[in-house]
């Protein structure tokens, strides 16, 4: 589960320039305490909705040792290309994590810096993905929403500490369901 401690040259700049809704950089957050950085495909994705619900349920355990949570997502924009932050506020509040750090990444700079790639048709729409999507939709009640952003972007989860990746989970399919508590344990 450990990831390499060296990263691409633009990684340091990317985390220093990525700001949460309160104006703090991802680098600053990671220097204060470990951060579980959760990259979502898009806010309409069934599996991303499931992930946010899972994290909301496990939040107390994740934060018990001082680990912060930060969601990275592609925001909805208006016709002029301006972000509509109220959409994200409603989405995260619906799951009880409206106060959690979040970073809008419309150009996917952070996704690229964390080496999250675009998925293939099989990784996004394969039989396993369809089956898990059915289960998440029917039994988890995580309905499909509007596609916002790059629907082929793969998600991932990282434990960031002092500006360095300590642990990483890069999804092999959109349907993967990582152990967030294990990833968050420093």
N, C-alpha and C. Protein backbone atom coordinates (compact mmCIF):
# COMPACT_ATOMS: atom_id res chain seq x y z
N UNK A 1 0.81 -1.19 0.00
CA UNK A 1 0.00 0.00 0.00
C UNK A 1 0.86 1.26 0.00
N UNK A 2 2.11 1.15 0.38
CA UNK A 2 2.99 2.32 0.37
C UNK A 2 3.23 2.78 -1.05
N UNK A 3 3.39 4.06 -1.19
CA UNK A 3 3.68 4.65 -2.49
C UNK A 3 5.09 5.18 -2.44
N UNK A 4 5.64 5.40 -3.58
CA UNK A 4 6.98 5.97 -3.63
C UNK A 4 6.97 7.36 -3.02
N UNK A 5 8.08 7.74 -2.42
CA UNK A 5 8.12 9.04 -1.75
C UNK A 5 8.53 10.16 -2.70
N UNK A 6 9.06 9.82 -3.86
CA UNK A 6 9.36 10.86 -4.83
C UNK A 6 8.19 10.97 -5.80
N UNK A 7 7.98 12.14 -6.30
CA UNK A 7 6.85 12.36 -7.19
C UNK A 7 7.29 13.20 -8.38
N UNK A 8 6.38 13.41 -9.28
CA UNK A 8 6.68 14.20 -10.47
C UNK A 8 7.07 15.62 -10.08
N UNK A 9 7.87 16.29 -10.92
CA UNK A 9 8.35 17.63 -10.58
C UNK A 9 7.25 18.65 -10.30
N UNK A 10 6.10 18.52 -10.93
CA UNK A 10 5.05 19.51 -10.71
C UNK A 10 4.19 19.22 -9.48
N UNK A 11 4.46 18.14 -8.80
CA UNK A 11 3.66 17.74 -7.63
C UNK A 11 3.69 18.82 -6.54
N UNK A 12 4.88 19.28 -6.17
CA UNK A 12 5.01 20.28 -5.11
C UNK A 12 4.25 21.57 -5.45
N UNK A 13 4.36 21.99 -6.70
CA UNK A 13 3.64 23.19 -7.12
C UNK A 13 2.14 22.96 -7.10
N UNK A 14 1.72 21.80 -7.55
CA UNK A 14 0.29 21.49 -7.60
C UNK A 14 -0.34 21.53 -6.22
N UNK A 15 0.29 20.92 -5.23
CA UNK A 15 -0.33 20.91 -3.88
C UNK A 15 -0.21 22.26 -3.20
N UNK A 16 0.81 23.05 -3.58
CA UNK A 16 0.95 24.39 -3.01
C UNK A 16 -0.07 25.35 -3.60
N UNK A 17 -0.47 25.11 -4.84
CA UNK A 17 -1.40 26.02 -5.53
C UNK A 17 -2.86 25.60 -5.43
N UNK A 18 -3.12 24.40 -4.97
CA UNK A 18 -4.51 23.92 -4.86
C UNK A 18 -5.09 24.38 -3.53
N UNK A 19 -6.16 25.17 -3.60
CA UNK A 19 -6.76 25.73 -2.39
C UNK A 19 -8.13 25.14 -2.10
N UNK A 20 -8.39 24.94 -0.82
CA UNK A 20 -9.69 24.46 -0.38
C UNK A 20 -10.69 25.61 -0.42
N UNK A 21 -11.94 25.29 -0.10
CA UNK A 21 -12.99 26.31 -0.09
C UNK A 21 -12.71 27.40 0.95
N UNK A 22 -11.84 27.12 1.93
CA UNK A 22 -11.51 28.14 2.94
C UNK A 22 -10.20 28.86 2.63
N UNK A 23 -9.55 28.51 1.49
CA UNK A 23 -8.36 29.21 1.07
C UNK A 23 -7.03 28.59 1.49
N UNK A 24 -7.06 27.49 2.21
CA UNK A 24 -5.81 26.83 2.62
C UNK A 24 -5.33 25.92 1.49
N UNK A 25 -4.02 25.85 1.32
CA UNK A 25 -3.49 24.97 0.29
C UNK A 25 -3.41 23.54 0.82
N UNK A 26 -3.41 22.61 -0.10
CA UNK A 26 -3.28 21.20 0.26
C UNK A 26 -1.94 20.96 0.96
N UNK A 27 -0.91 21.67 0.52
CA UNK A 27 0.40 21.56 1.17
C UNK A 27 0.31 22.01 2.63
N UNK A 28 -0.34 23.15 2.88
CA UNK A 28 -0.48 23.66 4.25
C UNK A 28 -1.24 22.67 5.12
N UNK A 29 -2.33 22.10 4.59
CA UNK A 29 -3.09 21.12 5.35
C UNK A 29 -2.20 19.95 5.74
N UNK A 30 -1.40 19.46 4.79
CA UNK A 30 -0.57 18.27 5.04
C UNK A 30 0.58 18.55 6.00
N UNK A 31 0.96 19.80 6.13
CA UNK A 31 2.01 20.17 7.08
C UNK A 31 1.46 20.27 8.50
N UNK A 32 0.18 20.50 8.63
CA UNK A 32 -0.47 20.60 9.93
C UNK A 32 -0.77 19.21 10.49
N UNK A 33 -1.26 18.31 9.62
CA UNK A 33 -1.55 16.93 10.02
C UNK A 33 -1.78 16.12 8.76
N UNK A 34 -1.77 14.79 8.87
CA UNK A 34 -2.01 13.97 7.67
C UNK A 34 -3.37 14.30 7.04
N UNK A 35 -3.44 14.18 5.72
CA UNK A 35 -4.67 14.47 4.99
C UNK A 35 -5.01 13.26 4.11
N UNK A 36 -6.22 12.76 4.25
CA UNK A 36 -6.73 11.73 3.35
C UNK A 36 -7.35 12.48 2.17
N UNK A 37 -6.67 12.43 1.04
CA UNK A 37 -7.10 13.16 -0.15
C UNK A 37 -7.88 12.18 -1.02
N UNK A 38 -9.16 12.48 -1.23
CA UNK A 38 -10.07 11.59 -1.96
C UNK A 38 -10.46 12.26 -3.27
N UNK A 39 -9.98 11.68 -4.37
CA UNK A 39 -10.30 12.19 -5.70
C UNK A 39 -11.57 11.51 -6.20
N UNK A 40 -12.55 12.30 -6.57
CA UNK A 40 -13.81 11.79 -7.09
C UNK A 40 -13.82 11.91 -8.61
N UNK A 41 -14.47 10.96 -9.29
CA UNK A 41 -14.57 11.04 -10.75
C UNK A 41 -15.40 12.25 -11.14
N UNK A 42 -16.63 12.27 -10.71
CA UNK A 42 -17.51 13.43 -10.90
C UNK A 42 -18.66 13.28 -9.91
N UNK A 43 -19.31 14.37 -9.57
CA UNK A 43 -20.32 14.34 -8.50
C UNK A 43 -21.56 13.55 -8.85
N UNK A 44 -21.76 13.23 -10.11
CA UNK A 44 -22.90 12.42 -10.51
C UNK A 44 -22.60 10.93 -10.53
N UNK A 45 -21.36 10.55 -10.32
CA UNK A 45 -20.93 9.16 -10.38
C UNK A 45 -21.49 8.37 -9.19
N UNK A 46 -22.14 7.26 -9.48
CA UNK A 46 -22.70 6.39 -8.44
C UNK A 46 -21.64 6.00 -7.42
N UNK A 47 -20.46 5.61 -7.91
CA UNK A 47 -19.41 5.15 -7.01
C UNK A 47 -18.82 6.29 -6.19
N UNK A 48 -18.80 7.49 -6.74
CA UNK A 48 -18.32 8.64 -5.98
C UNK A 48 -19.30 9.01 -4.88
N UNK A 49 -20.57 8.89 -5.17
CA UNK A 49 -21.59 9.13 -4.15
C UNK A 49 -21.46 8.09 -3.04
N UNK A 50 -21.22 6.85 -3.44
CA UNK A 50 -21.01 5.78 -2.47
C UNK A 50 -19.76 6.07 -1.62
N UNK A 51 -18.69 6.53 -2.27
CA UNK A 51 -17.44 6.85 -1.56
C UNK A 51 -17.67 7.95 -0.52
N UNK A 52 -18.37 8.99 -0.91
CA UNK A 52 -18.63 10.10 0.02
C UNK A 52 -19.48 9.60 1.19
N UNK A 53 -20.46 8.75 0.91
CA UNK A 53 -21.29 8.18 1.98
C UNK A 53 -20.45 7.30 2.90
N UNK A 54 -19.56 6.48 2.32
CA UNK A 54 -18.68 5.63 3.13
C UNK A 54 -17.80 6.48 4.04
N UNK A 55 -17.22 7.53 3.49
CA UNK A 55 -16.33 8.39 4.28
C UNK A 55 -17.12 9.11 5.36
N UNK A 56 -18.34 9.53 5.05
CA UNK A 56 -19.18 10.18 6.07
C UNK A 56 -19.42 9.22 7.24
N UNK A 57 -19.66 7.94 6.94
CA UNK A 57 -19.89 6.94 8.00
C UNK A 57 -18.63 6.66 8.80
N UNK A 58 -17.47 6.73 8.15
CA UNK A 58 -16.20 6.40 8.79
C UNK A 58 -15.43 7.62 9.26
N UNK A 59 -16.03 8.78 9.11
CA UNK A 59 -15.34 10.04 9.41
C UNK A 59 -14.77 10.10 10.82
N UNK A 60 -15.53 9.72 11.81
CA UNK A 60 -15.06 9.79 13.19
C UNK A 60 -13.80 8.95 13.38
N UNK A 61 -13.81 7.76 12.82
CA UNK A 61 -12.65 6.87 12.94
C UNK A 61 -11.45 7.43 12.16
N UNK A 62 -11.68 7.96 10.98
CA UNK A 62 -10.60 8.53 10.17
C UNK A 62 -9.97 9.72 10.88
N UNK A 63 -10.79 10.57 11.47
CA UNK A 63 -10.29 11.78 12.10
C UNK A 63 -9.81 11.57 13.54
N UNK A 64 -10.03 10.40 14.10
CA UNK A 64 -9.69 10.13 15.51
C UNK A 64 -8.22 10.38 15.83
N UNK A 65 -7.34 10.06 14.91
CA UNK A 65 -5.90 10.25 15.15
C UNK A 65 -5.38 11.56 14.56
N UNK A 66 -6.28 12.44 14.18
CA UNK A 66 -5.87 13.74 13.67
C UNK A 66 -5.79 13.85 12.15
N UNK A 67 -6.16 12.80 11.44
CA UNK A 67 -6.14 12.86 9.98
C UNK A 67 -7.32 13.70 9.49
N UNK A 68 -7.02 14.62 8.59
CA UNK A 68 -8.05 15.44 7.96
C UNK A 68 -8.50 14.76 6.68
N UNK A 69 -9.66 15.15 6.18
CA UNK A 69 -10.18 14.63 4.92
C UNK A 69 -10.29 15.80 3.94
N UNK A 70 -9.93 15.55 2.70
CA UNK A 70 -10.08 16.57 1.66
C UNK A 70 -10.55 15.89 0.38
N UNK A 71 -11.68 16.32 -0.14
CA UNK A 71 -12.20 15.81 -1.40
C UNK A 71 -11.70 16.69 -2.55
N UNK A 72 -11.34 16.05 -3.66
CA UNK A 72 -10.97 16.77 -4.89
C UNK A 72 -11.99 16.35 -5.94
N UNK A 73 -12.55 17.32 -6.63
CA UNK A 73 -13.62 17.04 -7.58
C UNK A 73 -13.57 18.03 -8.74
N UNK A 74 -14.27 17.67 -9.79
CA UNK A 74 -14.41 18.57 -10.94
C UNK A 74 -15.73 19.31 -10.75
N UNK A 75 -15.69 20.63 -10.66
CA UNK A 75 -16.90 21.39 -10.35
C UNK A 75 -17.82 21.59 -11.55
N UNK A 76 -19.08 21.84 -11.22
CA UNK A 76 -20.03 22.23 -12.25
C UNK A 76 -19.80 23.71 -12.54
N UNK A 77 -19.87 24.10 -13.81
CA UNK A 77 -19.68 25.49 -14.18
C UNK A 77 -20.89 26.00 -14.96
N UNK A 78 -21.01 27.30 -15.02
CA UNK A 78 -22.09 27.89 -15.82
C UNK A 78 -21.61 28.02 -17.26
N UNK A 79 -22.44 28.60 -18.12
CA UNK A 79 -22.11 28.71 -19.55
C UNK A 79 -20.86 29.55 -19.80
N UNK A 80 -20.55 30.46 -18.88
CA UNK A 80 -19.36 31.31 -19.03
C UNK A 80 -18.10 30.61 -18.49
N UNK A 81 -18.28 29.43 -17.91
CA UNK A 81 -17.13 28.69 -17.39
C UNK A 81 -16.80 28.98 -15.94
N UNK A 82 -17.66 29.76 -15.27
CA UNK A 82 -17.43 30.06 -13.85
C UNK A 82 -17.99 28.94 -12.99
N UNK A 83 -17.24 28.61 -11.94
CA UNK A 83 -17.66 27.54 -11.04
C UNK A 83 -18.95 27.92 -10.32
N UNK A 84 -19.79 26.93 -10.10
CA UNK A 84 -21.02 27.10 -9.32
C UNK A 84 -20.81 26.39 -7.98
N UNK A 85 -20.18 27.07 -7.00
CA UNK A 85 -19.83 26.41 -5.74
C UNK A 85 -21.03 25.90 -4.95
N UNK A 86 -22.19 26.48 -5.18
CA UNK A 86 -23.38 26.05 -4.45
C UNK A 86 -23.76 24.60 -4.78
N UNK A 87 -23.41 24.13 -5.97
CA UNK A 87 -23.70 22.74 -6.36
C UNK A 87 -22.89 21.80 -5.47
N UNK A 88 -21.60 22.06 -5.32
CA UNK A 88 -20.75 21.23 -4.47
C UNK A 88 -21.17 21.34 -3.01
N UNK A 89 -21.52 22.54 -2.57
CA UNK A 89 -21.95 22.73 -1.19
C UNK A 89 -23.18 21.87 -0.89
N UNK A 90 -24.15 21.87 -1.78
CA UNK A 90 -25.36 21.04 -1.59
C UNK A 90 -25.01 19.56 -1.61
N UNK A 91 -24.17 19.16 -2.57
CA UNK A 91 -23.79 17.76 -2.70
C UNK A 91 -23.13 17.24 -1.42
N UNK A 92 -22.08 17.90 -0.96
CA UNK A 92 -21.35 17.42 0.21
C UNK A 92 -22.18 17.55 1.49
N UNK A 93 -22.99 18.60 1.59
CA UNK A 93 -23.86 18.75 2.77
C UNK A 93 -24.90 17.64 2.85
N UNK A 94 -25.39 17.21 1.69
CA UNK A 94 -26.37 16.11 1.65
C UNK A 94 -25.83 14.86 2.34
N UNK A 95 -24.53 14.64 2.25
CA UNK A 95 -23.90 13.47 2.87
C UNK A 95 -23.34 13.76 4.26
N UNK A 96 -23.55 14.98 4.76
CA UNK A 96 -23.09 15.32 6.10
C UNK A 96 -21.61 15.67 6.19
N UNK A 97 -21.00 15.99 5.05
CA UNK A 97 -19.58 16.34 5.05
C UNK A 97 -19.36 17.73 4.41
N UNK A 98 -20.36 18.59 4.56
CA UNK A 98 -20.27 19.93 3.98
C UNK A 98 -19.16 20.76 4.58
N UNK A 99 -18.72 20.41 5.79
CA UNK A 99 -17.66 21.16 6.46
C UNK A 99 -16.27 20.58 6.20
N UNK A 100 -16.19 19.50 5.46
CA UNK A 100 -14.91 18.86 5.15
C UNK A 100 -14.20 19.67 4.06
N UNK A 101 -12.87 19.67 4.12
CA UNK A 101 -12.09 20.36 3.09
C UNK A 101 -12.43 19.79 1.72
N UNK A 102 -12.46 20.68 0.73
CA UNK A 102 -12.67 20.23 -0.65
C UNK A 102 -11.99 21.20 -1.60
N UNK A 103 -11.56 20.63 -2.71
CA UNK A 103 -10.85 21.42 -3.71
C UNK A 103 -11.49 21.16 -5.07
N UNK A 104 -11.92 22.24 -5.71
CA UNK A 104 -12.44 22.16 -7.07
C UNK A 104 -11.24 22.16 -8.01
N UNK A 105 -11.20 21.18 -8.90
CA UNK A 105 -10.06 21.04 -9.82
C UNK A 105 -10.58 20.89 -11.26
N UNK A 106 -11.12 21.97 -11.82
CA UNK A 106 -11.75 21.88 -13.14
C UNK A 106 -10.79 21.48 -14.26
N UNK A 107 -9.53 21.84 -14.15
CA UNK A 107 -8.55 21.52 -15.18
C UNK A 107 -7.77 20.24 -14.88
N UNK A 108 -8.12 19.59 -13.80
CA UNK A 108 -7.54 18.31 -13.39
C UNK A 108 -6.03 18.37 -13.16
N UNK A 109 -5.54 19.51 -12.68
CA UNK A 109 -4.12 19.64 -12.38
C UNK A 109 -3.70 18.68 -11.26
N UNK A 110 -4.51 18.61 -10.21
CA UNK A 110 -4.18 17.70 -9.11
C UNK A 110 -4.28 16.24 -9.52
N UNK A 111 -5.31 15.92 -10.30
CA UNK A 111 -5.45 14.54 -10.78
C UNK A 111 -4.17 14.11 -11.50
N UNK A 112 -3.66 14.99 -12.34
CA UNK A 112 -2.43 14.69 -13.10
C UNK A 112 -1.22 14.63 -12.18
N UNK A 113 -1.12 15.56 -11.24
CA UNK A 113 0.02 15.58 -10.32
C UNK A 113 0.08 14.32 -9.46
N UNK A 114 -1.09 13.77 -9.13
CA UNK A 114 -1.15 12.53 -8.34
C UNK A 114 -1.15 11.29 -9.23
N UNK A 115 -0.91 11.52 -10.53
CA UNK A 115 -0.78 10.46 -11.51
C UNK A 115 -2.03 9.58 -11.62
N UNK A 116 -3.17 10.23 -11.59
CA UNK A 116 -4.43 9.53 -11.83
C UNK A 116 -4.75 9.66 -13.32
N UNK A 117 -4.91 8.56 -13.95
CA UNK A 117 -5.09 8.55 -15.40
C UNK A 117 -6.56 8.47 -15.78
N UNK A 118 -6.79 8.54 -17.06
CA UNK A 118 -8.13 8.36 -17.61
C UNK A 118 -8.34 6.86 -17.79
N UNK A 119 -9.54 6.42 -17.54
CA UNK A 119 -9.84 5.00 -17.61
C UNK A 119 -10.21 4.52 -19.01
N UNK A 120 -10.07 3.23 -19.20
CA UNK A 120 -10.49 2.60 -20.46
C UNK A 120 -11.97 2.26 -20.35
N UNK A 121 -12.56 1.87 -21.46
CA UNK A 121 -13.97 1.46 -21.44
C UNK A 121 -14.20 0.31 -20.47
N UNK A 122 -13.29 -0.64 -20.44
CA UNK A 122 -13.43 -1.79 -19.54
C UNK A 122 -13.36 -1.37 -18.07
N UNK A 123 -12.44 -0.45 -17.75
CA UNK A 123 -12.28 0.01 -16.37
C UNK A 123 -13.47 0.83 -15.89
N UNK A 124 -14.18 1.42 -16.84
CA UNK A 124 -15.31 2.28 -16.49
C UNK A 124 -16.67 1.62 -16.72
N UNK A 125 -16.74 0.71 -17.68
CA UNK A 125 -18.03 0.13 -18.06
C UNK A 125 -18.01 -1.40 -18.16
N UNK A 126 -16.97 -2.04 -17.65
CA UNK A 126 -16.89 -3.50 -17.72
C UNK A 126 -17.97 -4.17 -16.88
N UNK A 127 -18.06 -5.48 -17.03
CA UNK A 127 -19.09 -6.26 -16.33
C UNK A 127 -19.04 -6.06 -14.82
N UNK A 128 -17.85 -6.11 -14.23
CA UNK A 128 -17.69 -5.90 -12.79
C UNK A 128 -18.23 -4.52 -12.38
N UNK A 129 -17.94 -3.54 -13.19
CA UNK A 129 -18.37 -2.16 -12.91
C UNK A 129 -19.89 -2.06 -12.98
N UNK A 130 -20.48 -2.65 -14.01
CA UNK A 130 -21.94 -2.64 -14.14
C UNK A 130 -22.59 -3.32 -12.94
N UNK A 131 -22.06 -4.47 -12.54
CA UNK A 131 -22.65 -5.21 -11.42
C UNK A 131 -22.55 -4.39 -10.12
N UNK A 132 -21.36 -3.84 -9.85
CA UNK A 132 -21.20 -3.02 -8.63
C UNK A 132 -22.07 -1.77 -8.71
N UNK A 133 -22.21 -1.22 -9.90
CA UNK A 133 -23.08 -0.05 -10.07
C UNK A 133 -24.52 -0.38 -9.76
N UNK A 134 -24.96 -1.54 -10.20
CA UNK A 134 -26.32 -2.01 -9.90
C UNK A 134 -26.51 -2.13 -8.39
N UNK A 135 -25.55 -2.78 -7.73
CA UNK A 135 -25.65 -2.96 -6.28
C UNK A 135 -25.63 -1.63 -5.53
N UNK A 136 -24.74 -0.73 -5.95
CA UNK A 136 -24.65 0.58 -5.29
C UNK A 136 -25.90 1.42 -5.51
N UNK A 137 -26.50 1.26 -6.68
CA UNK A 137 -27.70 2.03 -6.99
C UNK A 137 -28.92 1.46 -6.28
N UNK A 138 -29.13 0.16 -6.40
CA UNK A 138 -30.34 -0.46 -5.85
C UNK A 138 -30.28 -0.61 -4.33
N UNK A 139 -29.17 -1.16 -3.82
CA UNK A 139 -29.09 -1.43 -2.39
C UNK A 139 -28.50 -0.26 -1.60
N UNK A 140 -27.62 0.49 -2.22
CA UNK A 140 -27.02 1.63 -1.53
C UNK A 140 -27.77 2.92 -1.76
N UNK A 141 -28.70 2.90 -2.70
CA UNK A 141 -29.51 4.09 -3.04
C UNK A 141 -28.64 5.27 -3.50
N UNK A 142 -27.53 4.95 -4.17
CA UNK A 142 -26.66 6.00 -4.71
C UNK A 142 -26.95 6.14 -6.20
N UNK A 143 -27.97 6.88 -6.50
CA UNK A 143 -28.42 7.03 -7.87
C UNK A 143 -27.38 7.73 -8.75
N UNK A 144 -27.53 7.57 -10.02
CA UNK A 144 -26.66 8.23 -10.98
C UNK A 144 -27.13 9.67 -11.13
N UNK A 145 -26.18 10.58 -11.15
CA UNK A 145 -26.50 11.99 -11.32
C UNK A 145 -25.93 12.51 -12.62
N UNK A 146 -25.96 13.80 -12.76
CA UNK A 146 -25.48 14.48 -13.96
C UNK A 146 -23.95 14.38 -14.07
N UNK A 147 -23.48 14.06 -15.25
CA UNK A 147 -22.04 14.03 -15.51
C UNK A 147 -21.52 15.46 -15.54
N UNK A 148 -20.54 15.72 -14.70
CA UNK A 148 -19.89 17.02 -14.66
C UNK A 148 -18.39 16.76 -14.73
N UNK A 149 -17.74 17.28 -15.73
CA UNK A 149 -16.30 17.07 -15.85
C UNK A 149 -15.99 15.92 -16.78
N UNK A 150 -14.85 15.31 -16.57
CA UNK A 150 -14.34 14.25 -17.42
C UNK A 150 -14.82 12.90 -16.90
N UNK A 151 -15.78 12.30 -17.57
CA UNK A 151 -16.34 11.02 -17.15
C UNK A 151 -15.37 9.86 -17.25
N UNK A 152 -14.23 10.05 -17.93
CA UNK A 152 -13.23 8.99 -18.05
C UNK A 152 -12.13 9.10 -17.00
N UNK A 153 -12.18 10.14 -16.19
CA UNK A 153 -11.16 10.33 -15.16
C UNK A 153 -11.27 9.25 -14.09
N UNK A 154 -10.17 8.62 -13.76
CA UNK A 154 -10.16 7.61 -12.70
C UNK A 154 -9.98 8.28 -11.34
N UNK A 155 -10.60 7.72 -10.30
CA UNK A 155 -10.46 8.26 -8.95
C UNK A 155 -9.24 7.68 -8.24
N UNK A 156 -9.01 8.15 -7.03
CA UNK A 156 -7.92 7.64 -6.21
C UNK A 156 -8.01 8.22 -4.81
N UNK A 157 -7.26 7.61 -3.90
CA UNK A 157 -7.24 8.05 -2.51
C UNK A 157 -5.78 8.03 -2.04
N UNK A 158 -5.37 9.09 -1.35
CA UNK A 158 -3.98 9.23 -0.93
C UNK A 158 -3.91 9.75 0.49
N UNK A 159 -2.92 9.28 1.22
CA UNK A 159 -2.61 9.87 2.52
C UNK A 159 -1.41 10.78 2.29
N UNK A 160 -1.61 12.06 2.52
CA UNK A 160 -0.59 13.07 2.29
C UNK A 160 -0.11 13.59 3.64
N UNK A 161 1.20 13.60 3.84
CA UNK A 161 1.77 14.07 5.10
C UNK A 161 3.02 14.88 4.78
N UNK A 162 3.07 16.11 5.30
CA UNK A 162 4.20 17.00 5.07
C UNK A 162 4.54 17.13 3.58
N UNK A 163 3.50 17.23 2.77
CA UNK A 163 3.70 17.44 1.34
C UNK A 163 4.15 16.21 0.57
N UNK A 164 4.09 15.04 1.19
CA UNK A 164 4.54 13.81 0.54
C UNK A 164 3.46 12.74 0.61
N UNK A 165 3.38 11.93 -0.41
CA UNK A 165 2.43 10.83 -0.44
C UNK A 165 2.97 9.70 0.44
N UNK A 166 2.20 9.35 1.45
CA UNK A 166 2.58 8.25 2.36
C UNK A 166 1.93 6.93 1.94
N UNK A 167 0.69 7.01 1.46
CA UNK A 167 -0.05 5.84 1.01
C UNK A 167 -0.88 6.24 -0.20
N UNK A 168 -1.13 5.25 -1.06
CA UNK A 168 -1.89 5.56 -2.27
C UNK A 168 -2.77 4.39 -2.66
N UNK A 169 -3.94 4.73 -3.18
CA UNK A 169 -4.83 3.75 -3.78
C UNK A 169 -5.31 4.37 -5.08
N UNK A 170 -4.82 3.84 -6.19
CA UNK A 170 -5.26 4.28 -7.51
C UNK A 170 -6.21 3.22 -8.03
N UNK A 171 -7.44 3.60 -8.26
CA UNK A 171 -8.46 2.65 -8.70
C UNK A 171 -8.06 1.94 -9.99
N UNK A 172 -8.29 0.64 -10.01
CA UNK A 172 -8.08 -0.14 -11.24
C UNK A 172 -9.36 -0.14 -12.08
N UNK A 173 -10.52 -0.02 -11.40
CA UNK A 173 -11.80 0.18 -12.08
C UNK A 173 -12.56 1.25 -11.31
N UNK A 174 -13.56 1.81 -11.94
CA UNK A 174 -14.38 2.82 -11.26
C UNK A 174 -15.13 2.21 -10.08
N UNK A 175 -15.29 0.89 -10.08
CA UNK A 175 -16.07 0.20 -9.06
C UNK A 175 -15.27 -0.17 -7.81
N UNK A 176 -13.96 0.02 -7.80
CA UNK A 176 -13.15 -0.34 -6.64
C UNK A 176 -13.64 0.42 -5.41
N UNK A 177 -13.56 -0.26 -4.27
CA UNK A 177 -14.02 0.34 -3.01
C UNK A 177 -12.92 0.17 -1.96
N UNK A 178 -12.05 1.18 -1.84
CA UNK A 178 -10.91 1.06 -0.92
C UNK A 178 -11.32 1.10 0.55
N UNK A 179 -10.40 0.66 1.39
CA UNK A 179 -10.59 0.73 2.84
C UNK A 179 -10.04 2.09 3.29
N UNK A 180 -10.92 3.05 3.47
CA UNK A 180 -10.52 4.41 3.79
C UNK A 180 -9.84 4.51 5.15
N UNK A 181 -10.32 3.74 6.12
CA UNK A 181 -9.72 3.79 7.45
C UNK A 181 -8.29 3.26 7.42
N UNK A 182 -8.07 2.20 6.67
CA UNK A 182 -6.72 1.66 6.55
C UNK A 182 -5.79 2.65 5.86
N UNK A 183 -6.27 3.27 4.80
CA UNK A 183 -5.46 4.26 4.09
C UNK A 183 -5.15 5.47 4.97
N UNK A 184 -6.08 5.84 5.84
CA UNK A 184 -5.91 7.02 6.68
C UNK A 184 -5.00 6.78 7.88
N UNK A 185 -4.79 5.54 8.24
CA UNK A 185 -3.97 5.27 9.42
C UNK A 185 -2.52 5.63 9.13
N UNK A 186 -2.02 6.56 9.91
CA UNK A 186 -0.65 7.08 9.67
C UNK A 186 0.39 6.16 10.29
